C-alpha atoms as a PDB file:
ATOM      1  CA  MET A   1      36.550 -45.969  39.397  1.00  0.00           C
ATOM      2  CA  ILE A   2      34.681 -47.188  36.322  1.00  0.00           C
ATOM      3  CA  ALA A   3      33.040 -50.588  36.770  1.00  0.00           C
ATOM      4  CA  GLU A   4      34.054 -53.489  34.545  1.00  0.00           C
ATOM      5  CA  GLY A   5      31.903 -53.618  31.430  1.00  0.00           C
ATOM      6  CA  ILE A   6      31.265 -49.856  31.427  1.00  0.00           C
ATOM      7  CA  ILE A   7      32.854 -47.420  28.983  1.00  0.00           C
ATOM      8  CA  VAL A   8      32.747 -43.628  28.870  1.00  0.00           C
ATOM      9  CA  GLY A   9      31.647 -42.371  25.491  1.00  0.00           C
ATOM     10  CA  ALA A  10      32.806 -39.301  23.636  1.00  0.00           C
ATOM     11  CA  ASP A  11      29.640 -37.645  24.979  1.00  0.00           C
ATOM     12  CA  GLY A  12      30.820 -38.310  28.537  1.00  0.00           C
ATOM     13  CA  LYS A  13      28.069 -40.826  29.258  1.00  0.00           C
ATOM     14  CA  HIS A  14      28.776 -44.089  31.040  1.00  0.00           C
ATOM     15  CA  ARG A  15      27.233 -46.984  29.161  1.00  0.00           C
ATOM     16  CA  CYS A  16      27.526 -50.722  28.612  1.00  0.00           C
ATOM     17  CA  PHE A  17      30.672 -51.603  26.689  1.00  0.00           C
ATOM     18  CA  TRP A  18      29.099 -53.419  23.750  1.00  0.00           C
ATOM     19  CA  PRO A  19      28.066 -50.516  21.465  1.00  0.00           C
ATOM     20  CA  GLY A  20      31.627 -49.169  21.527  1.00  0.00           C
ATOM     21  CA  GLU A  21      31.780 -45.853  19.685  1.00  0.00           C
ATOM     22  CA  LEU A  22      29.556 -46.898  16.766  1.00  0.00           C
ATOM     23  CA  PRO A  23      26.762 -44.296  16.396  1.00  0.00           C
ATOM     24  CA  ASP A  24      24.075 -46.702  15.187  1.00  0.00           C
ATOM     25  CA  TYR A  25      24.908 -49.213  17.892  1.00  0.00           C
ATOM     26  CA  ILE A  26      24.954 -46.485  20.559  1.00  0.00           C
ATOM     27  CA  ALA A  27      21.521 -45.281  19.417  1.00  0.00           C
ATOM     28  CA  TYR A  28      20.158 -48.830  19.666  1.00  0.00           C
ATOM     29  CA  HIS A  29      21.640 -49.249  23.151  1.00  0.00           C
ATOM     30  CA  ASP A  30      20.448 -45.864  24.398  1.00  0.00           C
ATOM     31  CA  THR A  31      16.933 -45.718  22.979  1.00  0.00           C
ATOM     32  CA  GLU A  32      15.715 -49.238  22.230  1.00  0.00           C
ATOM     33  CA  TRP A  33      17.479 -52.190  23.860  1.00  0.00           C
ATOM     34  CA  GLY A  34      15.670 -53.183  27.023  1.00  0.00           C
ATOM     35  CA  TYR A  35      12.728 -50.793  26.786  1.00  0.00           C
ATOM     36  CA  PRO A  36       9.439 -52.657  27.391  1.00  0.00           C
ATOM     37  CA  VAL A  37       7.569 -53.598  24.202  1.00  0.00           C
ATOM     38  CA  ASP A  38       3.936 -54.660  23.909  1.00  0.00           C
ATOM     39  CA  ASP A  39       3.358 -54.176  20.171  1.00  0.00           C
ATOM     40  CA  ASP A  40       2.822 -57.560  18.523  1.00  0.00           C
ATOM     41  CA  HIS A  41       4.541 -56.711  15.235  1.00  0.00           C
ATOM     42  CA  ARG A  42       7.610 -55.393  17.042  1.00  0.00           C
ATOM     43  CA  LEU A  43       7.714 -58.469  19.244  1.00  0.00           C
ATOM     44  CA  PHE A  44       7.488 -60.743  16.231  1.00  0.00           C
ATOM     45  CA  GLU A  45      10.230 -58.763  14.515  1.00  0.00           C
ATOM     46  CA  LYS A  46      12.480 -58.991  17.556  1.00  0.00           C
ATOM     47  CA  ILE A  47      12.161 -62.732  18.041  1.00  0.00           C
ATOM     48  CA  CYS A  48      12.674 -63.389  14.322  1.00  0.00           C
ATOM     49  CA  LEU A  49      15.749 -61.170  14.125  1.00  0.00           C
ATOM     50  CA  GLU A  50      17.221 -62.841  17.194  1.00  0.00           C
ATOM     51  CA  GLY A  51      16.794 -66.122  15.321  1.00  0.00           C
ATOM     52  CA  PHE A  52      18.607 -64.684  12.292  1.00  0.00           C
ATOM     53  CA  GLN A  53      21.350 -63.407  14.601  1.00  0.00           C
ATOM     54  CA  SER A  54      22.197 -66.915  15.819  1.00  0.00           C
ATOM     55  CA  GLY A  55      25.871 -67.470  14.977  1.00  0.00           C
ATOM     56  CA  LEU A  56      26.352 -63.864  13.850  1.00  0.00           C
ATOM     57  CA  SER A  57      26.871 -60.484  15.493  1.00  0.00           C
ATOM     58  CA  TRP A  58      23.841 -58.398  16.417  1.00  0.00           C
ATOM     59  CA  LEU A  59      25.462 -55.409  14.681  1.00  0.00           C
ATOM     60  CA  THR A  60      25.209 -57.293  11.369  1.00  0.00           C
ATOM     61  CA  ILE A  61      21.478 -57.791  11.924  1.00  0.00           C
ATOM     62  CA  LEU A  62      20.925 -54.226  13.124  1.00  0.00           C
ATOM     63  CA  ARG A  63      22.509 -52.792   9.991  1.00  0.00           C
ATOM     64  CA  LYS A  64      20.324 -54.997   7.792  1.00  0.00           C
ATOM     65  CA  ARG A  65      17.141 -54.438   9.795  1.00  0.00           C
ATOM     66  CA  GLU A  66      15.459 -52.118   7.297  1.00  0.00           C
ATOM     67  CA  ASN A  67      16.174 -54.649   4.549  1.00  0.00           C
ATOM     68  CA  PHE A  68      14.632 -57.384   6.701  1.00  0.00           C
ATOM     69  CA  ARG A  69      11.563 -55.234   7.264  1.00  0.00           C
ATOM     70  CA  ALA A  70      11.163 -54.672   3.539  1.00  0.00           C
ATOM     71  CA  ALA A  71      11.679 -58.359   2.776  1.00  0.00           C
ATOM     72  CA  PHE A  72       9.270 -59.627   5.438  1.00  0.00           C
ATOM     73  CA  ALA A  73       6.339 -57.216   5.002  1.00  0.00           C
ATOM     74  CA  GLY A  74       7.257 -55.142   8.039  1.00  0.00           C
ATOM     75  CA  PHE A  75       7.132 -58.344  10.103  1.00  0.00           C
ATOM     76  CA  ASP A  76       3.344 -58.356   9.901  1.00  0.00           C
ATOM     77  CA  PHE A  77       2.927 -62.016  10.801  1.00  0.00           C
ATOM     78  CA  ASN A  78      -0.512 -62.122   9.165  1.00  0.00           C
ATOM     79  CA  LYS A  79       1.202 -61.363   5.832  1.00  0.00           C
ATOM     80  CA  VAL A  80       4.355 -63.410   6.394  1.00  0.00           C
ATOM     81  CA  ALA A  81       2.229 -66.478   7.154  1.00  0.00           C
ATOM     82  CA  GLN A  82       0.995 -66.319   3.549  1.00  0.00           C
ATOM     83  CA  PHE A  83       4.492 -66.497   2.049  1.00  0.00           C
ATOM     84  CA  ASP A  84       5.000 -69.474  -0.270  1.00  0.00           C
ATOM     85  CA  GLU A  85       7.897 -71.241  -1.990  1.00  0.00           C
ATOM     86  CA  ALA A  86       8.252 -68.404  -4.496  1.00  0.00           C
ATOM     87  CA  ASP A  87       8.768 -66.028  -1.601  1.00  0.00           C
ATOM     88  CA  VAL A  88      11.374 -68.343  -0.088  1.00  0.00           C
ATOM     89  CA  GLU A  89      13.279 -68.404  -3.386  1.00  0.00           C
ATOM     90  CA  ARG A  90      13.021 -64.621  -3.615  1.00  0.00           C
ATOM     91  CA  LEU A  91      14.402 -64.222  -0.111  1.00  0.00           C
ATOM     92  CA  VAL A  92      17.332 -66.625  -0.483  1.00  0.00           C
ATOM     93  CA  THR A  93      18.596 -64.410  -3.330  1.00  0.00           C
ATOM     94  CA  ASP A  94      18.072 -61.140  -1.432  1.00  0.00           C
ATOM     95  CA  ALA A  95      21.573 -59.850  -0.635  1.00  0.00           C
ATOM     96  CA  GLY A  96      20.109 -57.286   1.765  1.00  0.00           C
ATOM     97  CA  ILE A  97      19.260 -59.920   4.386  1.00  0.00           C
ATOM     98  CA  ILE A  98      20.840 -63.099   5.792  1.00  0.00           C
ATOM     99  CA  ARG A  99      20.276 -65.634   3.021  1.00  0.00           C
ATOM    100  CA  HIS A 100      19.865 -68.680   5.238  1.00  0.00           C
ATOM    101  CA  ARG A 101      17.099 -70.901   3.893  1.00  0.00           C
ATOM    102  CA  GLY A 102      16.431 -72.525   7.254  1.00  0.00           C
ATOM    103  CA  LYS A 103      16.026 -69.202   9.037  1.00  0.00           C
ATOM    104  CA  ILE A 104      13.836 -67.835   6.247  1.00  0.00           C
ATOM    105  CA  THR A 105      11.484 -70.827   6.332  1.00  0.00           C
ATOM    106  CA  SER A 106      11.537 -70.649  10.132  1.00  0.00           C
ATOM    107  CA  THR A 107      10.284 -67.051  10.001  1.00  0.00           C
ATOM    108  CA  ILE A 108       7.376 -68.086   7.784  1.00  0.00           C
ATOM    109  CA  ASN A 109       6.581 -71.030  10.054  1.00  0.00           C
ATOM    110  CA  ASN A 110       6.777 -68.829  13.139  1.00  0.00           C
ATOM    111  CA  ALA A 111       4.397 -66.315  11.569  1.00  0.00           C
ATOM    112  CA  LYS A 112       1.792 -69.079  11.347  1.00  0.00           C
ATOM    113  CA  ARG A 113       2.489 -70.043  14.947  1.00  0.00           C
ATOM    114  CA  ALA A 114       2.213 -66.373  15.969  1.00  0.00           C
ATOM    115  CA  ILE A 115      -1.315 -66.230  14.556  1.00  0.00           C
ATOM    116  CA  GLU A 116      -2.177 -69.292  16.643  1.00  0.00           C
ATOM    117  CA  LEU A 117      -0.749 -67.632  19.751  1.00  0.00           C
ATOM    118  CA  ARG A 118      -2.628 -64.408  19.066  1.00  0.00           C
ATOM    119  CA  ASN A 119      -5.854 -66.334  18.599  1.00  0.00           C
ATOM    120  CA  GLU A 120      -5.331 -68.258  21.842  1.00  0.00           C
ATOM    121  CA  PHE A 121      -4.088 -65.478  24.123  1.00  0.00           C
ATOM    122  CA  GLY A 122      -5.457 -62.330  22.477  1.00  0.00           C
ATOM    123  CA  SER A 123      -1.993 -60.966  21.686  1.00  0.00           C
ATOM    124  CA  LEU A 124       1.614 -62.042  21.461  1.00  0.00           C
ATOM    125  CA  ALA A 125       2.359 -59.486  24.152  1.00  0.00           C
ATOM    126  CA  LYS A 126       0.059 -61.152  26.647  1.00  0.00           C
ATOM    127  CA  TYR A 127       1.679 -64.509  25.987  1.00  0.00           C
ATOM    128  CA  PHE A 128       5.311 -63.364  26.100  1.00  0.00           C
ATOM    129  CA  TRP A 129       4.940 -61.152  29.169  1.00  0.00           C
ATOM    130  CA  SER A 130       3.441 -64.062  31.096  1.00  0.00           C
ATOM    131  CA  PHE A 131       6.986 -65.485  31.145  1.00  0.00           C
ATOM    132  CA  GLU A 132       8.519 -62.441  32.810  1.00  0.00           C
ATOM    133  CA  PRO A 133      10.831 -63.733  35.556  1.00  0.00           C
ATOM    134  CA  SER A 134       9.864 -62.965  39.119  1.00  0.00           C
ATOM    135  CA  ALA A 135      11.949 -60.634  41.254  1.00  0.00           C
ATOM    136  CA  ALA A 136      13.272 -63.672  43.105  1.00  0.00           C
ATOM    137  CA  GLU A 137      14.591 -65.098  39.823  1.00  0.00           C
ATOM    138  CA  ARG A 138      16.504 -61.950  38.922  1.00  0.00           C
ATOM    139  CA  PRO A 139      20.048 -61.308  40.165  1.00  0.00           C
ATOM    140  CA  ALA A 140      20.321 -58.735  42.948  1.00  0.00           C
ATOM    141  CA  THR A 141      22.743 -56.700  40.853  1.00  0.00           C
ATOM    142  CA  MET A 142      23.671 -56.670  37.175  1.00  0.00           C
ATOM    143  CA  ASP A 143      27.413 -56.307  36.922  1.00  0.00           C
ATOM    144  CA  TRP A 144      29.546 -57.488  34.015  1.00  0.00           C
ATOM    145  CA  ALA A 145      30.382 -60.842  35.643  1.00  0.00           C
ATOM    146  CA  THR A 146      26.683 -61.592  36.229  1.00  0.00           C
ATOM    147  CA  LEU A 147      25.688 -60.637  32.703  1.00  0.00           C
ATOM    148  CA  LYS A 148      28.485 -62.702  31.205  1.00  0.00           C
ATOM    149  CA  ALA A 149      27.455 -65.732  33.257  1.00  0.00           C
ATOM    150  CA  ASN A 150      23.767 -65.639  32.247  1.00  0.00           C
ATOM    151  CA  PRO A 151      23.317 -66.241  28.506  1.00  0.00           C
ATOM    152  CA  VAL A 152      20.485 -68.612  29.503  1.00  0.00           C
ATOM    153  CA  THR A 153      18.096 -68.373  32.441  1.00  0.00           C
ATOM    154  CA  GLU A 154      15.368 -70.546  33.895  1.00  0.00           C
ATOM    155  CA  ALA A 155      12.774 -68.157  32.463  1.00  0.00           C
ATOM    156  CA  SER A 156      14.286 -68.335  28.976  1.00  0.00           C
ATOM    157  CA  LYS A 157      14.355 -72.128  29.223  1.00  0.00           C
ATOM    158  CA  ARG A 158      10.648 -72.157  30.129  1.00  0.00           C
ATOM    159  CA  LEU A 159       9.704 -69.843  27.270  1.00  0.00           C
ATOM    160  CA  SER A 160      11.904 -71.694  24.775  1.00  0.00           C
ATOM    161  CA  LYS A 161      10.417 -75.045  25.778  1.00  0.00           C
ATOM    162  CA  ASP A 162       6.861 -73.759  25.452  1.00  0.00           C
ATOM    163  CA  LEU A 163       7.497 -72.121  22.075  1.00  0.00           C
ATOM    164  CA  LYS A 164       9.056 -75.308  20.739  1.00  0.00           C
ATOM    165  CA  LYS A 165       6.090 -77.308  22.007  1.00  0.00           C
ATOM    166  CA  ARG A 166       3.888 -74.953  19.993  1.00  0.00           C
ATOM    167  CA  GLY A 167       5.908 -75.548  16.823  1.00  0.00           C
ATOM    168  CA  TRP A 168       8.181 -72.490  16.797  1.00  0.00           C
ATOM    169  CA  THR A 169      11.721 -72.936  15.467  1.00  0.00           C
ATOM    170  CA  PHE A 170      15.063 -71.175  16.008  1.00  0.00           C
ATOM    171  CA  VAL A 171      13.932 -70.361  19.550  1.00  0.00           C
ATOM    172  CA  GLY A 172      16.570 -72.013  21.714  1.00  0.00           C
ATOM    173  CA  PRO A 173      16.978 -70.699  25.267  1.00  0.00           C
ATOM    174  CA  THR A 174      19.970 -68.483  24.391  1.00  0.00           C
ATOM    175  CA  THR A 175      18.104 -66.882  21.479  1.00  0.00           C
ATOM    176  CA  VAL A 176      15.027 -66.475  23.660  1.00  0.00           C
ATOM    177  CA  TYR A 177      17.025 -64.807  26.428  1.00  0.00           C
ATOM    178  CA  ALA A 178      18.458 -62.302  23.930  1.00  0.00           C
ATOM    179  CA  PHE A 179      14.854 -61.616  22.885  1.00  0.00           C
ATOM    180  CA  MET A 180      13.815 -61.130  26.513  1.00  0.00           C
ATOM    181  CA  GLN A 181      16.662 -58.633  26.971  1.00  0.00           C
ATOM    182  CA  ALA A 182      15.804 -56.745  23.784  1.00  0.00           C
ATOM    183  CA  MET A 183      12.056 -56.481  24.491  1.00  0.00           C
ATOM    184  CA  GLY A 184      12.546 -55.239  28.053  1.00  0.00           C
ATOM    185  CA  MET A 185      11.324 -58.289  29.920  1.00  0.00           C
ATOM    186  CA  VAL A 186      14.572 -57.980  31.868  1.00  0.00           C
ATOM    187  CA  ASN A 187      16.853 -54.985  32.423  1.00  0.00           C
ATOM    188  CA  ASP A 188      20.383 -56.134  31.643  1.00  0.00           C
ATOM    189  CA  HIS A 189      22.034 -52.753  31.345  1.00  0.00           C
ATOM    190  CA  ILE A 190      25.057 -53.043  33.625  1.00  0.00           C
ATOM    191  CA  GLU A 191      25.139 -51.179  36.933  1.00  0.00           C
ATOM    192  CA  GLY A 192      26.783 -47.842  36.206  1.00  0.00           C
ATOM    193  CA  CYS A 193      25.260 -47.521  32.708  1.00  0.00           C
ATOM    194  CA  PHE A 194      23.255 -44.309  32.492  1.00  0.00           C
ATOM    195  CA  CYS A 195      20.399 -46.255  30.888  1.00  0.00           C
ATOM    196  CA  ARG A 196      19.890 -48.672  33.767  1.00  0.00           C
ATOM    197  CA  GLN A 197      17.809 -46.398  35.983  1.00  0.00           C
ATOM    198  CA  LYS A 198      15.883 -45.057  32.975  1.00  0.00           C
ATOM    199  CA  LEU A 199      14.954 -48.636  32.134  1.00  0.00           C
ATOM    200  CA  GLU A 200      13.957 -49.386  35.718  1.00  0.00           C
ATOM    201  CA  ALA A 201      11.594 -46.409  35.613  1.00  0.00           C
ATOM    202  CA  ALA A 202      10.205 -47.464  32.224  1.00  0.00           C
ATOM    203  CA  ARG A 203       9.603 -51.014  33.445  1.00  0.00           C
ATOM    204  CA  LEU A 204       7.940 -49.717  36.601  1.00  0.00           C
ATOM    205  CA  ALA A 205       5.569 -47.519  34.577  1.00  0.00           C
ATOM    206  CA  PHE A 206       4.886 -50.187  31.947  1.00  0.00           C
ATOM    207  CA  GLN A 207       1.414 -51.710  32.000  1.00  0.00           C
ATOM    208  CA  ARG A 208       1.811 -55.463  31.510  1.00  0.00           C
ATOM    209  CA  PRO A 209      -0.694 -56.876  28.990  1.00  0.00           C
END
């Protein structure tokens, strides 16, 4: 019997339902989502794109990701922090990205805040991973009902609150939890997904900053 929230792909693999049969979405699910990340530029990219995703589907963001990377200097926060009003006007007319002025200016603001974090903690990775939830805070099993019921967690509330205190924007607890899922701070592949045990092994081998 196939567990709720699991689908069997054309390749015969059991995976989380959300990529459906879309090749680019399947590739993201299978090779990226939930794998531990400690590269500062990738972390900055992920948290910014989760902010852009707010109110939209992640598939929309995923399919525009290369355009976002081109528009935001590869999400090098040292460069994005130097963007000025001319850059904002350039970006709000860029049809390749989400042309939301508030989210664009938020990304520039957050780049400046990222530099402050890096200077204080040595790396974004060291800061973000310090909010990894303890084993006691994680559900004993990750079935579809549990995943559906947890768009926000105590850990995501803590991280969101601290980021906001530091001047970050578009980092509400739901957005932050999606970021935590994407960067591998938690493993939210559903029980029965072929990726779940791979992710457990990757998280076990991962050297926290």
